[in-house]
PDB file of N, CA and C in Angstrom:
ATOM      1  N   UNK A   1       0.833  -1.181   0.000  1.00  0.00           N
ATOM      2  CA  UNK A   1       0.000   0.000   0.000  1.00  0.00           C
ATOM      3  C   UNK A   1       0.884   1.254   0.000  1.00  0.00           C
ATOM      4  N   UNK A   2       0.412   2.320  -0.642  1.00  0.00           N
ATOM      5  CA  UNK A   2       1.158   3.575  -0.631  1.00  0.00           C
ATOM      6  C   UNK A   2       1.178   4.197   0.766  1.00  0.00           C
ATOM      7  N   UNK A   3       2.212   5.009   0.990  1.00  0.00           N
ATOM      8  CA  UNK A   3       2.331   5.730   2.255  1.00  0.00           C
ATOM      9  C   UNK A   3       2.154   7.219   1.995  1.00  0.00           C
ATOM     10  N   UNK A   4       1.598   7.906   2.986  1.00  0.00           N
ATOM     11  CA  UNK A   4       1.397   9.341   2.926  1.00  0.00           C
ATOM     12  C   UNK A   4       2.131   9.966   4.102  1.00  0.00           C
ATOM     13  N   UNK A   5       3.076  10.855   3.816  1.00  0.00           N
ATOM     14  CA  UNK A   5       3.844  11.542   4.853  1.00  0.00           C
ATOM     15  C   UNK A   5       3.097  12.815   5.251  1.00  0.00           C
ATOM     16  N   UNK A   6       2.870  12.969   6.552  1.00  0.00           N
ATOM     17  CA  UNK A   6       2.147  14.111   7.092  1.00  0.00           C
ATOM     18  C   UNK A   6       3.175  15.119   7.644  1.00  0.00           C
ATOM     19  N   UNK A   7       3.111  16.392   7.215  1.00  0.00           N
ATOM     20  CA  UNK A   7       4.065  17.368   7.732  1.00  0.00           C
ATOM     21  C   UNK A   7       3.764  17.705   9.203  1.00  0.00           C
ATOM     22  N   UNK A   8       4.769  18.147   9.899  1.00  0.00           N
ATOM     23  CA  UNK A   8       4.671  18.428  11.333  1.00  0.00           C
ATOM     24  C   UNK A   8       3.475  19.309  11.704  1.00  0.00           C
ATOM     25  N   UNK A   9       3.190  20.410  10.984  1.00  0.00           N
ATOM     26  CA  UNK A   9       2.067  21.260  11.399  1.00  0.00           C
ATOM     27  C   UNK A   9       0.700  20.560  11.333  1.00  0.00           C
ATOM     28  N   UNK A  10       0.579  19.519  10.519  1.00  0.00           N
ATOM     29  CA  UNK A  10      -0.708  18.825  10.378  1.00  0.00           C
ATOM     30  C   UNK A  10      -0.828  17.581  11.261  1.00  0.00           C
ATOM     31  N   UNK A  11       0.236  17.172  11.882  1.00  0.00           N
ATOM     32  CA  UNK A  11       0.211  15.939  12.686  1.00  0.00           C
ATOM     33  C   UNK A  11      -0.772  15.973  13.843  1.00  0.00           C
ATOM     34  N   UNK A  12      -1.001  17.108  14.498  1.00  0.00           N
ATOM     35  CA  UNK A  12      -2.009  17.100  15.570  1.00  0.00           C
ATOM     36  C   UNK A  12      -3.409  16.704  15.077  1.00  0.00           C
ATOM     37  N   UNK A  13      -3.683  16.932  13.803  1.00  0.00           N
ATOM     38  CA  UNK A  13      -4.991  16.588  13.229  1.00  0.00           C
ATOM     39  C   UNK A  13      -5.023  15.161  12.694  1.00  0.00           C
ATOM     40  N   UNK A  14      -3.874  14.480  12.779  1.00  0.00           N
ATOM     41  CA  UNK A  14      -3.757  13.089  12.324  1.00  0.00           C
ATOM     42  C   UNK A  14      -3.314  12.201  13.479  1.00  0.00           C
ATOM     43  N   UNK A  15      -3.799  12.517  14.683  1.00  0.00           N
ATOM     44  CA  UNK A  15      -3.473  11.743  15.891  1.00  0.00           C
ATOM     45  C   UNK A  15      -1.969  11.637  16.115  1.00  0.00           C
ATOM     46  N   UNK A  16      -1.223  12.661  15.688  1.00  0.00           N
ATOM     47  CA  UNK A  16       0.220  12.681  15.895  1.00  0.00           C
ATOM     48  C   UNK A  16       1.012  11.834  14.920  1.00  0.00           C
ATOM     49  N   UNK A  17       0.339  11.197  13.979  1.00  0.00           N
ATOM     50  CA  UNK A  17       1.017  10.317  13.021  1.00  0.00           C
ATOM     51  C   UNK A  17       1.866  11.116  12.028  1.00  0.00           C
ATOM     52  N   UNK A  18       3.040  10.606  11.704  1.00  0.00           N
ATOM     53  CA  UNK A  18       3.885  11.232  10.693  1.00  0.00           C
ATOM     54  C   UNK A  18       3.746  10.540   9.339  1.00  0.00           C
ATOM     55  N   UNK A  19       3.328   9.285   9.365  1.00  0.00           N
ATOM     56  CA  UNK A  19       3.161   8.498   8.138  1.00  0.00           C
ATOM     57  C   UNK A  19       1.895   7.661   8.255  1.00  0.00           C
ATOM     58  N   UNK A  20       1.108   7.685   7.195  1.00  0.00           N
ATOM     59  CA  UNK A  20      -0.084   6.845   7.129  1.00  0.00           C
ATOM     60  C   UNK A  20       0.075   5.884   5.960  1.00  0.00           C
ATOM     61  N   UNK A  21      -0.272   4.638   6.181  1.00  0.00           N
ATOM     62  CA  UNK A  21      -0.304   3.660   5.098  1.00  0.00           C
ATOM     63  C   UNK A  21      -1.767   3.457   4.750  1.00  0.00           C
ATOM     64  N   UNK A  22      -2.128   3.795   3.509  1.00  0.00           N
ATOM     65  CA  UNK A  22      -3.530   3.837   3.108  1.00  0.00           C
ATOM     66  C   UNK A  22      -3.758   3.073   1.817  1.00  0.00           C
ATOM     67  N   UNK A  23      -4.968   2.575   1.675  1.00  0.00           N
ATOM     68  CA  UNK A  23      -5.341   1.895   0.436  1.00  0.00           C
ATOM     69  C   UNK A  23      -5.851   2.908  -0.567  1.00  0.00           C
ATOM     70  N   UNK A  24      -5.440   2.738  -1.803  1.00  0.00           N
ATOM     71  CA  UNK A  24      -5.893   3.602  -2.874  1.00  0.00           C
ATOM     72  C   UNK A  24      -5.015   3.419  -4.093  1.00  0.00           C
ATOM     73  N   UNK A  25      -5.605   3.663  -5.251  1.00  0.00           N
ATOM     74  CA  UNK A  25      -4.868   3.500  -6.499  1.00  0.00           C
ATOM     75  C   UNK A  25      -4.479   4.824  -7.131  1.00  0.00           C
ATOM     76  N   UNK A  26      -5.043   5.942  -6.620  1.00  0.00           N
ATOM     77  CA  UNK A  26      -4.706   7.268  -7.124  1.00  0.00           C
ATOM     78  C   UNK A  26      -4.471   8.197  -5.941  1.00  0.00           C
ATOM     79  N   UNK A  27      -3.894   9.349  -6.223  1.00  0.00           N
ATOM     80  CA  UNK A  27      -3.682  10.353  -5.176  1.00  0.00           C
ATOM     81  C   UNK A  27      -5.017  10.737  -4.556  1.00  0.00           C
ATOM     82  N   UNK A  28      -6.043  10.948  -5.377  1.00  0.00           N
ATOM     83  CA  UNK A  28      -7.369  11.318  -4.862  1.00  0.00           C
ATOM     84  C   UNK A  28      -7.902  10.270  -3.891  1.00  0.00           C
ATOM     85  N   UNK A  29      -7.745   8.998  -4.208  1.00  0.00           N
ATOM     86  CA  UNK A  29      -8.242   7.922  -3.335  1.00  0.00           C
ATOM     87  C   UNK A  29      -7.479   7.895  -2.012  1.00  0.00           C
ATOM     88  N   UNK A  30      -6.188   8.144  -2.050  1.00  0.00           N
ATOM     89  CA  UNK A  30      -5.387   8.178  -0.827  1.00  0.00           C
ATOM     90  C   UNK A  30      -5.816   9.347   0.053  1.00  0.00           C
ATOM     91  N   UNK A  31      -6.036  10.513  -0.562  1.00  0.00           N
ATOM     92  CA  UNK A  31      -6.467  11.674   0.224  1.00  0.00           C
ATOM     93  C   UNK A  31      -7.842  11.446   0.836  1.00  0.00           C
ATOM     94  N   UNK A  32      -8.728  10.816   0.111  1.00  0.00           N
ATOM     95  CA  UNK A  32     -10.059  10.523   0.644  1.00  0.00           C
ATOM     96  C   UNK A  32      -9.958   9.538   1.809  1.00  0.00           C
ATOM     97  N   UNK A  33      -9.115   8.530   1.671  1.00  0.00           N
ATOM     98  CA  UNK A  33      -8.914   7.572   2.768  1.00  0.00           C
ATOM     99  C   UNK A  33      -8.327   8.280   3.987  1.00  0.00           C
ATOM    100  N   UNK A  34      -7.446   9.248   3.742  1.00  0.00           N
ATOM    101  CA  UNK A  34      -6.837   9.995   4.839  1.00  0.00           C
ATOM    102  C   UNK A  34      -7.879  10.796   5.609  1.00  0.00           C
ATOM    103  N   UNK A  35      -8.750  11.524   4.907  1.00  0.00           N
ATOM    104  CA  UNK A  35      -9.740  12.334   5.616  1.00  0.00           C
ATOM    105  C   UNK A  35     -10.857  11.484   6.210  1.00  0.00           C
ATOM    106  N   UNK A  36     -11.083  10.303   5.664  1.00  0.00           N
ATOM    107  CA  UNK A  36     -12.027   9.379   6.302  1.00  0.00           C
ATOM    108  C   UNK A  36     -11.475   8.934   7.660  1.00  0.00           C
ATOM    109  N   UNK A  37     -10.174   8.691   7.703  1.00  0.00           N
ATOM    110  CA  UNK A  37      -9.510   8.240   8.921  1.00  0.00           C
ATOM    111  C   UNK A  37      -9.305   9.389   9.917  1.00  0.00           C
ATOM    112  N   UNK A  38      -8.990  10.570   9.397  1.00  0.00           N
ATOM    113  CA  UNK A  38      -8.713  11.745  10.231  1.00  0.00           C
ATOM    114  C   UNK A  38      -9.492  12.937   9.668  1.00  0.00           C
ATOM    115  N   UNK A  39     -10.784  13.038   9.972  1.00  0.00           N
ATOM    116  CA  UNK A  39     -11.643  14.082   9.378  1.00  0.00           C
ATOM    117  C   UNK A  39     -11.186  15.516   9.640  1.00  0.00           C
ATOM    118  N   UNK A  40     -10.461  15.762  10.716  1.00  0.00           N
ATOM    119  CA  UNK A  40     -10.007  17.126  11.013  1.00  0.00           C
ATOM    120  C   UNK A  40      -9.038  17.656   9.958  1.00  0.00           C
ATOM    121  N   UNK A  41      -8.413  16.770   9.209  1.00  0.00           N
ATOM    122  CA  UNK A  41      -7.478  17.209   8.165  1.00  0.00           C
ATOM    123  C   UNK A  41      -8.187  17.853   6.981  1.00  0.00           C
ATOM    124  N   UNK A  42      -9.450  17.509   6.770  1.00  0.00           N
ATOM    125  CA  UNK A  42     -10.171  18.001   5.587  1.00  0.00           C
ATOM    126  C   UNK A  42     -10.114  19.532   5.495  1.00  0.00           C
ATOM    127  N   UNK A  43     -10.441  20.233   6.577  1.00  0.00           N
ATOM    128  CA  UNK A  43     -10.505  21.698   6.521  1.00  0.00           C
ATOM    129  C   UNK A  43      -9.138  22.341   6.299  1.00  0.00           C
ATOM    130  N   UNK A  44      -8.078  21.620   6.610  1.00  0.00           N
ATOM    131  CA  UNK A  44      -6.735  22.160   6.413  1.00  0.00           C
ATOM    132  C   UNK A  44      -6.208  21.925   5.002  1.00  0.00           C
ATOM    133  N   UNK A  45      -6.775  20.952   4.310  1.00  0.00           N
ATOM    134  CA  UNK A  45      -6.275  20.608   2.975  1.00  0.00           C
ATOM    135  C   UNK A  45      -7.231  20.951   1.839  1.00  0.00           C
ATOM    136  N   UNK A  46      -8.537  20.988   2.155  1.00  0.00           N
ATOM    137  CA  UNK A  46      -9.546  21.197   1.116  1.00  0.00           C
ATOM    138  C   UNK A  46     -10.389  22.429   1.409  1.00  0.00           C
ATOM    139  N   UNK A  47     -10.809  23.114   0.352  1.00  0.00           N
ATOM    140  CA  UNK A  47     -11.700  24.264   0.490  1.00  0.00           C
ATOM    141  C   UNK A  47     -13.119  23.777   0.781  1.00  0.00           C
ATOM    142  N   UNK A  48     -14.015  24.724   1.011  1.00  0.00           N
ATOM    143  CA  UNK A  48     -15.418  24.387   1.263  1.00  0.00           C
ATOM    144  C   UNK A  48     -16.060  23.694   0.060  1.00  0.00           C
ATOM    145  N   UNK A  49     -15.509  23.936  -1.131  1.00  0.00           N
ATOM    146  CA  UNK A  49     -16.046  23.311  -2.345  1.00  0.00           C
ATOM    147  C   UNK A  49     -15.407  21.959  -2.644  1.00  0.00           C
ATOM    148  N   UNK A  50     -14.498  21.523  -1.755  1.00  0.00           N
ATOM    149  CA  UNK A  50     -13.879  20.214  -1.930  1.00  0.00           C
ATOM    150  C   UNK A  50     -12.620  20.210  -2.776  1.00  0.00           C
ATOM    151  N   UNK A  51     -12.157  21.405  -3.177  1.00  0.00           N
ATOM    152  CA  UNK A  51     -10.944  21.504  -3.984  1.00  0.00           C
ATOM    153  C   UNK A  51      -9.722  21.545  -3.067  1.00  0.00           C
ATOM    154  N   UNK A  52      -8.638  20.970  -3.522  1.00  0.00           N
ATOM    155  CA  UNK A  52      -7.384  21.034  -2.777  1.00  0.00           C
ATOM    156  C   UNK A  52      -6.973  22.500  -2.668  1.00  0.00           C
ATOM    157  N   UNK A  53      -6.633  22.945  -1.467  1.00  0.00           N
ATOM    158  CA  UNK A  53      -6.250  24.346  -1.268  1.00  0.00           C
ATOM    159  C   UNK A  53      -4.971  24.648  -2.064  1.00  0.00           C
ATOM    160  N   UNK A  54      -4.849  25.880  -2.580  1.00  0.00           N
ATOM    161  CA  UNK A  54      -3.711  26.204  -3.445  1.00  0.00           C
ATOM    162  C   UNK A  54      -2.347  26.123  -2.760  1.00  0.00           C
ATOM    163  N   UNK A  55      -2.292  26.262  -1.454  1.00  0.00           N
ATOM    164  CA  UNK A  55      -1.006  26.222  -0.761  1.00  0.00           C
ATOM    165  C   UNK A  55      -0.579  24.808  -0.386  1.00  0.00           C
ATOM    166  N   UNK A  56      -1.377  23.816  -0.760  1.00  0.00           N
ATOM    167  CA  UNK A  56      -1.046  22.425  -0.458  1.00  0.00           C
ATOM    168  C   UNK A  56      -0.375  21.814  -1.691  1.00  0.00           C
ATOM    169  N   UNK A  57       0.857  21.354  -1.502  1.00  0.00           N
ATOM    170  CA  UNK A  57       1.602  20.712  -2.588  1.00  0.00           C
ATOM    171  C   UNK A  57       1.742  19.235  -2.271  1.00  0.00           C
ATOM    172  N   UNK A  58       1.553  18.418  -3.272  1.00  0.00           N
ATOM    173  CA  UNK A  58       1.684  16.971  -3.117  1.00  0.00           C
ATOM    174  C   UNK A  58       2.776  16.474  -4.049  1.00  0.00           C
ATOM    175  N   UNK A  59       3.676  15.700  -3.471  1.00  0.00           N
ATOM    176  CA  UNK A  59       4.789  15.157  -4.242  1.00  0.00           C
ATOM    177  C   UNK A  59       4.783  13.643  -4.185  1.00  0.00           C
ATOM    178  N   UNK A  60       4.981  13.027  -5.325  1.00  0.00           N
ATOM    179  CA  UNK A  60       5.183  11.592  -5.435  1.00  0.00           C
ATOM    180  C   UNK A  60       6.675  11.433  -5.666  1.00  0.00           C
ATOM    181  N   UNK A  61       7.371  11.029  -4.627  1.00  0.00           N
ATOM    182  CA  UNK A  61       8.830  11.052  -4.690  1.00  0.00           C
ATOM    183  C   UNK A  61       9.275  12.497  -4.795  1.00  0.00           C
ATOM    184  N   UNK A  62       9.980  12.830  -5.859  1.00  0.00           N
ATOM    185  CA  UNK A  62      10.445  14.204  -6.055  1.00  0.00           C
ATOM    186  C   UNK A  62       9.624  14.961  -7.091  1.00  0.00           C
ATOM    187  N   UNK A  63       8.547  14.341  -7.577  1.00  0.00           N
ATOM    188  CA  UNK A  63       7.720  14.954  -8.623  1.00  0.00           C
ATOM    189  C   UNK A  63       6.445  15.550  -8.039  1.00  0.00           C
ATOM    190  N   UNK A  64       6.203  16.834  -8.324  1.00  0.00           N
ATOM    191  CA  UNK A  64       4.946  17.461  -7.950  1.00  0.00           C
ATOM    192  C   UNK A  64       3.840  16.794  -8.768  1.00  0.00           C
ATOM    193  N   UNK A  65       2.755  16.384  -8.119  1.00  0.00           N
ATOM    194  CA  UNK A  65       1.707  15.676  -8.858  1.00  0.00           C
ATOM    195  C   UNK A  65       1.083  16.546  -9.937  1.00  0.00           C
ATOM    196  N   UNK A  66       1.216  17.882  -9.817  1.00  0.00           N
ATOM    197  CA  UNK A  66       0.699  18.774 -10.854  1.00  0.00           C
ATOM    198  C   UNK A  66       1.468  18.608 -12.156  1.00  0.00           C
ATOM    199  N   UNK A  67       2.694  18.104 -12.085  1.00  0.00           N
ATOM    200  CA  UNK A  67       3.483  17.835 -13.274  1.00  0.00           C
ATOM    201  C   UNK A  67       3.196  16.427 -13.813  1.00  0.00           C
ATOM    202  N   UNK A  68       2.422  15.662 -13.070  1.00  0.00           N
ATOM    203  CA  UNK A  68       2.057  14.298 -13.477  1.00  0.00           C
ATOM    204  C   UNK A  68       0.603  14.329 -13.947  1.00  0.00           C
ATOM    205  N   UNK A  69      -0.270  13.608 -13.264  1.00  0.00           N
ATOM    206  CA  UNK A  69      -1.681  13.573 -13.650  1.00  0.00           C
ATOM    207  C   UNK A  69      -2.586  14.174 -12.578  1.00  0.00           C
ATOM    208  N   UNK A  70      -2.026  15.079 -11.780  1.00  0.00           N
ATOM    209  CA  UNK A  70      -2.811  15.729 -10.735  1.00  0.00           C
ATOM    210  C   UNK A  70      -3.342  14.711  -9.731  1.00  0.00           C
ATOM    211  N   UNK A  71      -4.549  14.930  -9.269  1.00  0.00           N
ATOM    212  CA  UNK A  71      -5.145  14.025  -8.287  1.00  0.00           C
ATOM    213  C   UNK A  71      -5.410  12.634  -8.844  1.00  0.00           C
ATOM    214  N   UNK A  72      -5.404  12.512 -10.149  1.00  0.00           N
ATOM    215  CA  UNK A  72      -5.619  11.198 -10.773  1.00  0.00           C
ATOM    216  C   UNK A  72      -4.313  10.449 -11.019  1.00  0.00           C
ATOM    217  N   UNK A  73      -3.212  10.969 -10.495  1.00  0.00           N
ATOM    218  CA  UNK A  73      -1.919  10.295 -10.622  1.00  0.00           C
ATOM    219  C   UNK A  73      -2.013   8.905 -10.001  1.00  0.00           C
ATOM    220  N   UNK A  74      -1.693   7.871 -10.762  1.00  0.00           N
ATOM    221  CA  UNK A  74      -1.758   6.511 -10.208  1.00  0.00           C
ATOM    222  C   UNK A  74      -0.639   6.259  -9.207  1.00  0.00           C
ATOM    223  N   UNK A  75      -0.947   5.446  -8.213  1.00  0.00           N
ATOM    224  CA  UNK A  75       0.019   5.056  -7.195  1.00  0.00           C
ATOM    225  C   UNK A  75       0.222   3.558  -7.232  1.00  0.00           C
ATOM    226  N   UNK A  76       1.427   3.146  -6.885  1.00  0.00           N
ATOM    227  CA  UNK A  76       1.764   1.729  -6.853  1.00  0.00           C
ATOM    228  C   UNK A  76       2.160   1.328  -5.446  1.00  0.00           C
ATOM    229  N   UNK A  77       2.202   0.043  -5.226  1.00  0.00           N
ATOM    230  CA  UNK A  77       2.655  -0.512  -3.943  1.00  0.00           C
ATOM    231  C   UNK A  77       4.010   0.071  -3.591  1.00  0.00           C
ATOM    232  N   UNK A  78       4.139   0.593  -2.377  1.00  0.00           N
ATOM    233  CA  UNK A  78       5.416   1.120  -1.922  1.00  0.00           C
ATOM    234  C   UNK A  78       5.682   2.574  -2.271  1.00  0.00           C
ATOM    235  N   UNK A  79       4.788   3.229  -3.023  1.00  0.00           N
ATOM    236  CA  UNK A  79       4.972   4.648  -3.334  1.00  0.00           C
ATOM    237  C   UNK A  79       4.831   5.480  -2.064  1.00  0.00           C
ATOM    238  N   UNK A  80       5.523   6.618  -2.039  1.00  0.00           N
ATOM    239  CA  UNK A  80       5.423   7.547  -0.927  1.00  0.00           C
ATOM    240  C   UNK A  80       4.945   8.889  -1.457  1.00  0.00           C
ATOM    241  N   UNK A  81       3.835   9.350  -0.914  1.00  0.00           N
ATOM    242  CA  UNK A  81       3.240  10.634  -1.260  1.00  0.00           C
ATOM    243  C   UNK A  81       3.516  11.591  -0.107  1.00  0.00           C
ATOM    244  N   UNK A  82       3.989  12.789  -0.424  1.00  0.00           N
ATOM    245  CA  UNK A  82       4.323  13.777   0.600  1.00  0.00           C
ATOM    246  C   UNK A  82       3.401  14.979   0.488  1.00  0.00           C
ATOM    247  N   UNK A  83       2.884  15.435   1.626  1.00  0.00           N
ATOM    248  CA  UNK A  83       2.158  16.692   1.687  1.00  0.00           C
ATOM    249  C   UNK A  83       3.166  17.743   2.115  1.00  0.00           C
ATOM    250  N   UNK A  84       3.314  18.788   1.285  1.00  0.00           N
ATOM    251  CA  UNK A  84       4.257  19.850   1.607  1.00  0.00           C
ATOM    252  C   UNK A  84       3.509  21.178   1.512  1.00  0.00           C
ATOM    253  N   UNK A  85       3.162  21.760   2.666  1.00  0.00           N
ATOM    254  CA  UNK A  85       2.472  23.051   2.628  1.00  0.00           C
ATOM    255  C   UNK A  85       3.423  24.151   2.202  1.00  0.00           C
ATOM    256  N   UNK A  86       2.906  25.116   1.428  1.00  0.00           N
ATOM    257  CA  UNK A  86       3.709  26.273   1.041  1.00  0.00           C
ATOM    258  C   UNK A  86       3.970  27.114   2.280  1.00  0.00           C
ATOM    259  N   UNK A  87       5.123  27.748   2.288  1.00  0.00           N
ATOM    260  CA  UNK A  87       5.488  28.617   3.398  1.00  0.00           C
ATOM    261  C   UNK A  87       5.641  30.029   2.857  1.00  0.00           C
ATOM    262  N   UNK A  88       4.956  30.958   3.497  1.00  0.00           N
ATOM    263  CA  UNK A  88       5.044  32.363   3.091  1.00  0.00           C
ATOM    264  C   UNK A  88       5.642  33.173   4.220  1.00  0.00           C
ATOM    265  N   UNK A  89       6.196  34.249   3.869  1.00  0.00           N
ATOM    266  CA  UNK A  89       6.766  35.120   4.883  1.00  0.00           C
ATOM    267  C   UNK A  89       7.596  36.203   4.236  1.00  0.00           C
ATOM    268  N   UNK A  90       8.175  36.995   5.063  1.00  0.00           N
ATOM    269  CA  UNK A  90       8.976  38.046   4.463  1.00  0.00           C
ATOM    270  C   UNK A  90       9.770  38.797   5.473  1.00  0.00           C
TER     271      UNK A  90
END
């Protein structure tokens, strides 16, 4: 099963977990399984309309999924998906 790495700021909403092993064949299915397991994550990652928030970046290995097939990017056994929130400041 693919693994999903949770960044430190979101871990309190995922019962402190840093890595989740979830069933799913696409990025969208993994994210849905994640919010089913930890519903508090939904508001931090998705807008009210269900769209992924613009500051949320997802990487499959070193590739941004936006450069692949977006949320429909297929996942294989042993893949690691990373959530990387954008950081702003100045």
